[in-house]
Amino acid sequence: MPTIHTYDARTREYLKTVDWTPPNEWVALPADATTLPPPASLAGFARVLNLAGDVWEHVEDHRGKAGFIDGQPHTVRDLGPLPAGWSDTAPEVPLVRVKATKRAEITAGHDAALAGVVAISDPTPTVVAVEAALLATTDSTGLAYARQKLATRRAELEAMVEAAQTVEAVMAIAVNYPV
């Protein structure tokens, strides 16, 4: 009963060693198997049989590792060295872009808070427009007060963004409105 070593058909990576009995005397080996013993395993490497089938090689194995290639998120799926342009750290986002994103968040929060004040039950654009018109005619002081409170908070948040000197400081600004 010979001992055989099986490998993956696609990657040619060592899978396992088994004792094998040929089903017939004319059957030499099953597909994707060899009698050539693989070398000892090494951490961070896969044992791969070369295409000629005569030498096992240690090939870098980074599969499943997450990182970035040229600033874009990437997860390694294949055997081999890390791809060109690889980095373990996320690219720095420019402060200008982070501030722009936070300003958009402030505007969206303001608009949602105003819609919530005007049309509490159904803040769709049509309902907000109708309710704002009704509120303006029935309680113009209340609508003006709500708008002023929200505008003041929006200005406070925008001033905080302008004053922030780091990405972390901008990200720490919590966008919330009194409603």
C-alpha atoms as a PDB file:
ATOM      1  CA  MET A   1       0.000   0.000   0.000  1.00  0.00           C
ATOM      2  CA  PRO A   2       1.828   3.137  -1.167  1.00  0.00           C
ATOM      3  CA  THR A   3       1.606   6.477   0.586  1.00  0.00           C
ATOM      4  CA  ILE A   4       0.457   9.288  -1.695  1.00  0.00           C
ATOM      5  CA  HIS A   5       0.266  13.044  -1.279  1.00  0.00           C
ATOM      6  CA  THR A   6      -2.705  14.862  -2.773  1.00  0.00           C
ATOM      7  CA  TYR A   7      -2.781  18.458  -3.951  1.00  0.00           C
ATOM      8  CA  ASP A   8      -5.338  20.996  -5.134  1.00  0.00           C
ATOM      9  CA  ALA A   9      -6.032  20.731  -8.866  1.00  0.00           C
ATOM     10  CA  ARG A  10      -6.015  24.507  -9.386  1.00  0.00           C
ATOM     11  CA  THR A  11      -3.339  25.819  -7.008  1.00  0.00           C
ATOM     12  CA  ARG A  12      -1.304  22.575  -6.776  1.00  0.00           C
ATOM     13  CA  GLU A  13      -1.143  23.197  -3.025  1.00  0.00           C
ATOM     14  CA  TYR A  14      -0.495  20.184  -0.764  1.00  0.00           C
ATOM     15  CA  LEU A  15      -3.724  18.883   0.794  1.00  0.00           C
ATOM     16  CA  LYS A  16      -3.022  15.638   2.652  1.00  0.00           C
ATOM     17  CA  THR A  17      -1.077  12.402   2.851  1.00  0.00           C
ATOM     18  CA  VAL A  18      -2.961   9.107   2.661  1.00  0.00           C
ATOM     19  CA  ASP A  19      -2.296   5.415   2.310  1.00  0.00           C
ATOM     20  CA  TRP A  20      -3.712   4.302  -1.017  1.00  0.00           C
ATOM     21  CA  THR A  21      -4.404   0.994  -2.632  1.00  0.00           C
ATOM     22  CA  PRO A  22      -4.744   1.052  -6.436  1.00  0.00           C
ATOM     23  CA  PRO A  23      -8.135  -0.330  -7.582  1.00  0.00           C
ATOM     24  CA  ASN A  24      -6.354  -2.166 -10.435  1.00  0.00           C
ATOM     25  CA  GLU A  25      -2.698  -2.998 -11.044  1.00  0.00           C
ATOM     26  CA  TRP A  26      -2.624  -0.778 -14.128  1.00  0.00           C
ATOM     27  CA  VAL A  27      -3.722   2.352 -12.145  1.00  0.00           C
ATOM     28  CA  ALA A  28      -0.575   4.235 -11.158  1.00  0.00           C
ATOM     29  CA  LEU A  29      -1.953   7.158  -9.121  1.00  0.00           C
ATOM     30  CA  PRO A  30      -5.215   9.035  -8.757  1.00  0.00           C
ATOM     31  CA  ALA A  31      -5.490  12.471 -10.323  1.00  0.00           C
ATOM     32  CA  ASP A  32      -3.818  15.280  -8.387  1.00  0.00           C
ATOM     33  CA  ALA A  33      -1.589  12.967  -6.366  1.00  0.00           C
ATOM     34  CA  THR A  34       2.108  12.171  -6.181  1.00  0.00           C
ATOM     35  CA  THR A  35       4.398   9.849  -4.274  1.00  0.00           C
ATOM     36  CA  LEU A  36       6.928  12.684  -3.828  1.00  0.00           C
ATOM     37  CA  PRO A  37       6.757  13.665  -0.142  1.00  0.00           C
ATOM     38  CA  PRO A  38       6.178  17.364   0.562  1.00  0.00           C
ATOM     39  CA  PRO A  39       8.674  19.369   2.623  1.00  0.00           C
ATOM     40  CA  ALA A  40       7.959  20.392   6.213  1.00  0.00           C
ATOM     41  CA  SER A  41       5.482  23.229   6.472  1.00  0.00           C
ATOM     42  CA  LEU A  42       6.640  26.792   7.094  1.00  0.00           C
ATOM     43  CA  ALA A  43       4.486  29.477   8.693  1.00  0.00           C
ATOM     44  CA  GLY A  44       3.213  31.943   6.092  1.00  0.00           C
ATOM     45  CA  PHE A  45       3.914  29.611   3.171  1.00  0.00           C
ATOM     46  CA  ALA A  46       2.003  26.939   1.263  1.00  0.00           C
ATOM     47  CA  ARG A  47       3.637  23.822  -0.114  1.00  0.00           C
ATOM     48  CA  VAL A  48       3.039  23.757  -3.867  1.00  0.00           C
ATOM     49  CA  LEU A  49       4.024  21.063  -6.376  1.00  0.00           C
ATOM     50  CA  ASN A  50       5.664  22.598  -9.463  1.00  0.00           C
ATOM     51  CA  LEU A  51       4.099  22.023 -12.893  1.00  0.00           C
ATOM     52  CA  ALA A  52       6.628  19.325 -13.785  1.00  0.00           C
ATOM     53  CA  GLY A  53       5.554  17.458 -10.658  1.00  0.00           C
ATOM     54  CA  ASP A  54       9.114  16.840  -9.508  1.00  0.00           C
ATOM     55  CA  VAL A  55       9.671  19.511  -6.802  1.00  0.00           C
ATOM     56  CA  TRP A  56       7.633  20.915  -3.958  1.00  0.00           C
ATOM     57  CA  GLU A  57       8.120  24.660  -3.449  1.00  0.00           C
ATOM     58  CA  HIS A  58       7.284  26.981  -0.569  1.00  0.00           C
ATOM     59  CA  VAL A  59       5.056  29.786  -1.909  1.00  0.00           C
ATOM     60  CA  GLU A  60       4.040  32.839   0.125  1.00  0.00           C
ATOM     61  CA  ASP A  61       0.491  32.511   1.469  1.00  0.00           C
ATOM     62  CA  HIS A  62      -1.266  35.760   2.352  1.00  0.00           C
ATOM     63  CA  ARG A  63      -4.787  34.599   1.453  1.00  0.00           C
ATOM     64  CA  GLY A  64      -7.483  36.350   3.473  1.00  0.00           C
ATOM     65  CA  LYS A  65      -5.216  39.252   4.420  1.00  0.00           C
ATOM     66  CA  ALA A  66      -6.968  42.610   4.112  1.00  0.00           C
ATOM     67  CA  GLY A  67      -5.161  45.770   3.093  1.00  0.00           C
ATOM     68  CA  PHE A  68      -4.975  48.339   0.325  1.00  0.00           C
ATOM     69  CA  ILE A  69      -3.600  48.418  -3.211  1.00  0.00           C
ATOM     70  CA  ASP A  70      -2.946  51.941  -4.416  1.00  0.00           C
ATOM     71  CA  GLY A  71      -5.328  53.234  -1.746  1.00  0.00           C
ATOM     72  CA  GLN A  72      -8.225  50.899  -2.596  1.00  0.00           C
ATOM     73  CA  PRO A  73      -9.424  48.162  -0.175  1.00  0.00           C
ATOM     74  CA  HIS A  74      -8.298  44.691  -1.213  1.00  0.00           C
ATOM     75  CA  THR A  75      -8.323  41.162   0.215  1.00  0.00           C
ATOM     76  CA  VAL A  76      -5.696  38.702  -1.010  1.00  0.00           C
ATOM     77  CA  ARG A  77      -7.249  35.608  -2.626  1.00  0.00           C
ATOM     78  CA  ASP A  78      -4.322  33.857  -4.308  1.00  0.00           C
ATOM     79  CA  LEU A  79      -1.019  32.323  -3.300  1.00  0.00           C
ATOM     80  CA  GLY A  80       2.128  34.324  -3.899  1.00  0.00           C
ATOM     81  CA  PRO A  81       3.728  37.545  -2.760  1.00  0.00           C
ATOM     82  CA  LEU A  82       1.639  40.557  -1.832  1.00  0.00           C
ATOM     83  CA  PRO A  83       0.525  42.507  -4.927  1.00  0.00           C
ATOM     84  CA  ALA A  84       2.436  45.571  -6.109  1.00  0.00           C
ATOM     85  CA  GLY A  85       1.239  48.748  -4.430  1.00  0.00           C
ATOM     86  CA  TRP A  86       0.207  46.839  -1.257  1.00  0.00           C
ATOM     87  CA  SER A  87      -0.173  48.646   2.069  1.00  0.00           C
ATOM     88  CA  ASP A  88      -1.462  47.477   5.441  1.00  0.00           C
ATOM     89  CA  THR A  89      -2.608  50.969   6.363  1.00  0.00           C
ATOM     90  CA  ALA A  90      -5.535  52.874   4.942  1.00  0.00           C
ATOM     91  CA  PRO A  91      -4.647  55.901   2.885  1.00  0.00           C
ATOM     92  CA  GLU A  92      -4.999  59.228   4.622  1.00  0.00           C
ATOM     93  CA  VAL A  93      -8.076  61.098   3.553  1.00  0.00           C
ATOM     94  CA  PRO A  94      -7.331  64.805   3.034  1.00  0.00           C
ATOM     95  CA  LEU A  95      -8.742  67.112   5.701  1.00  0.00           C
ATOM     96  CA  VAL A  96     -10.534  69.113   3.001  1.00  0.00           C
ATOM     97  CA  ARG A  97     -12.470  66.040   1.867  1.00  0.00           C
ATOM     98  CA  VAL A  98     -13.366  65.013   5.432  1.00  0.00           C
ATOM     99  CA  LYS A  99     -14.640  68.524   6.138  1.00  0.00           C
ATOM    100  CA  ALA A 100     -16.747  68.496   2.961  1.00  0.00           C
ATOM    101  CA  THR A 101     -18.282  65.168   3.959  1.00  0.00           C
ATOM    102  CA  LYS A 102     -19.057  66.465   7.458  1.00  0.00           C
ATOM    103  CA  ARG A 103     -20.648  69.625   6.002  1.00  0.00           C
ATOM    104  CA  ALA A 104     -22.912  67.451   3.844  1.00  0.00           C
ATOM    105  CA  GLU A 105     -23.845  65.444   6.958  1.00  0.00           C
ATOM    106  CA  ILE A 106     -24.654  68.715   8.790  1.00  0.00           C
ATOM    107  CA  THR A 107     -26.882  69.882   5.919  1.00  0.00           C
ATOM    108  CA  ALA A 108     -28.685  66.545   5.697  1.00  0.00           C
ATOM    109  CA  GLY A 109     -29.210  66.542   9.470  1.00  0.00           C
ATOM    110  CA  HIS A 110     -30.566  70.084   9.369  1.00  0.00           C
ATOM    111  CA  ASP A 111     -32.976  69.264   6.562  1.00  0.00           C
ATOM    112  CA  ALA A 112     -34.169  66.095   8.297  1.00  0.00           C
ATOM    113  CA  ALA A 113     -34.683  67.939  11.608  1.00  0.00           C
ATOM    114  CA  LEU A 114     -36.642  70.705   9.905  1.00  0.00           C
ATOM    115  CA  ALA A 115     -38.780  68.160   8.080  1.00  0.00           C
ATOM    116  CA  GLY A 116     -39.381  66.385  11.381  1.00  0.00           C
ATOM    117  CA  VAL A 117     -40.487  69.604  13.099  1.00  0.00           C
ATOM    118  CA  VAL A 118     -42.838  70.571  10.293  1.00  0.00           C
ATOM    119  CA  ALA A 119     -44.302  67.173   9.385  1.00  0.00           C
ATOM    120  CA  ILE A 120     -43.774  64.883  12.363  1.00  0.00           C
ATOM    121  CA  SER A 121     -45.838  61.951  11.125  1.00  0.00           C
ATOM    122  CA  ASP A 122     -44.798  61.831   7.457  1.00  0.00           C
ATOM    123  CA  PRO A 123     -41.720  63.906   6.498  1.00  0.00           C
ATOM    124  CA  THR A 124     -41.976  63.372   2.733  1.00  0.00           C
ATOM    125  CA  PRO A 125     -41.223  66.419   0.535  1.00  0.00           C
ATOM    126  CA  THR A 126     -44.869  66.995  -0.371  1.00  0.00           C
ATOM    127  CA  VAL A 127     -46.131  66.715   3.205  1.00  0.00           C
ATOM    128  CA  VAL A 128     -43.324  68.972   4.470  1.00  0.00           C
ATOM    129  CA  ALA A 129     -44.220  71.638   1.895  1.00  0.00           C
ATOM    130  CA  VAL A 130     -47.944  71.496   2.748  1.00  0.00           C
ATOM    131  CA  GLU A 131     -47.383  71.407   6.516  1.00  0.00           C
ATOM    132  CA  ALA A 132     -44.824  74.256   6.329  1.00  0.00           C
ATOM    133  CA  ALA A 133     -47.357  76.401   4.469  1.00  0.00           C
ATOM    134  CA  LEU A 134     -50.088  75.586   7.011  1.00  0.00           C
ATOM    135  CA  LEU A 135     -47.732  76.221   9.932  1.00  0.00           C
ATOM    136  CA  ALA A 136     -46.599  79.523   8.418  1.00  0.00           C
ATOM    137  CA  THR A 137     -50.223  80.733   8.270  1.00  0.00           C
ATOM    138  CA  THR A 138     -51.364  79.344  11.636  1.00  0.00           C
ATOM    139  CA  ASP A 139     -48.207  79.708  13.755  1.00  0.00           C
ATOM    140  CA  SER A 140     -45.616  81.740  11.912  1.00  0.00           C
ATOM    141  CA  THR A 141     -43.835  82.513  15.189  1.00  0.00           C
ATOM    142  CA  GLY A 142     -43.463  78.800  15.981  1.00  0.00           C
ATOM    143  CA  LEU A 143     -42.112  78.019  12.526  1.00  0.00           C
ATOM    144  CA  ALA A 144     -39.710  80.960  12.673  1.00  0.00           C
ATOM    145  CA  TYR A 145     -38.536  79.867  16.132  1.00  0.00           C
ATOM    146  CA  ALA A 146     -37.910  76.278  14.965  1.00  0.00           C
ATOM    147  CA  ARG A 147     -36.061  77.480  11.876  1.00  0.00           C
ATOM    148  CA  GLN A 148     -33.937  79.846  13.968  1.00  0.00           C
ATOM    149  CA  LYS A 149     -33.014  77.130  16.505  1.00  0.00           C
ATOM    150  CA  LEU A 150     -32.040  74.712  13.737  1.00  0.00           C
ATOM    151  CA  ALA A 151     -30.109  77.371  11.821  1.00  0.00           C
ATOM    152  CA  THR A 152     -28.220  78.331  14.984  1.00  0.00           C
ATOM    153  CA  ARG A 153     -27.252  74.719  15.613  1.00  0.00           C
ATOM    154  CA  ARG A 154     -26.240  74.304  11.976  1.00  0.00           C
ATOM    155  CA  ALA A 155     -24.009  77.377  12.223  1.00  0.00           C
ATOM    156  CA  GLU A 156     -22.443  76.006  15.444  1.00  0.00           C
ATOM    157  CA  LEU A 157     -21.661  72.696  13.757  1.00  0.00           C
ATOM    158  CA  GLU A 158     -20.237  74.387  10.654  1.00  0.00           C
ATOM    159  CA  ALA A 159     -18.032  76.603  12.865  1.00  0.00           C
ATOM    160  CA  MET A 160     -16.746  73.486  14.645  1.00  0.00           C
ATOM    161  CA  VAL A 161     -15.848  71.954  11.273  1.00  0.00           C
ATOM    162  CA  GLU A 162     -14.035  75.119  10.191  1.00  0.00           C
ATOM    163  CA  ALA A 163     -12.084  75.239  13.457  1.00  0.00           C
ATOM    164  CA  ALA A 164     -11.050  71.571  13.340  1.00  0.00           C
ATOM    165  CA  GLN A 165      -7.385  71.091  12.451  1.00  0.00           C
ATOM    166  CA  THR A 166      -7.284  67.291  12.096  1.00  0.00           C
ATOM    167  CA  VAL A 167      -9.315  64.534  10.476  1.00  0.00           C
ATOM    168  CA  GLU A 168      -9.899  63.034  13.931  1.00  0.00           C
ATOM    169  CA  ALA A 169     -11.307  66.316  15.243  1.00  0.00           C
ATOM    170  CA  VAL A 170     -13.729  66.576  12.319  1.00  0.00           C
ATOM    171  CA  MET A 171     -14.822  62.955  12.725  1.00  0.00           C
ATOM    172  CA  ALA A 172     -15.479  63.566  16.450  1.00  0.00           C
ATOM    173  CA  ILE A 173     -18.103  66.247  15.713  1.00  0.00           C
ATOM    174  CA  ALA A 174     -21.502  64.735  16.498  1.00  0.00           C
ATOM    175  CA  VAL A 175     -24.187  66.021  14.157  1.00  0.00           C
ATOM    176  CA  ASN A 176     -27.406  66.427  16.124  1.00  0.00           C
ATOM    177  CA  TYR A 177     -30.216  68.924  16.256  1.00  0.00           C
ATOM    178  CA  PRO A 178     -32.775  69.822  18.938  1.00  0.00           C
ATOM    179  CA  VAL A 179     -36.224  68.765  17.802  1.00  0.00           C
END
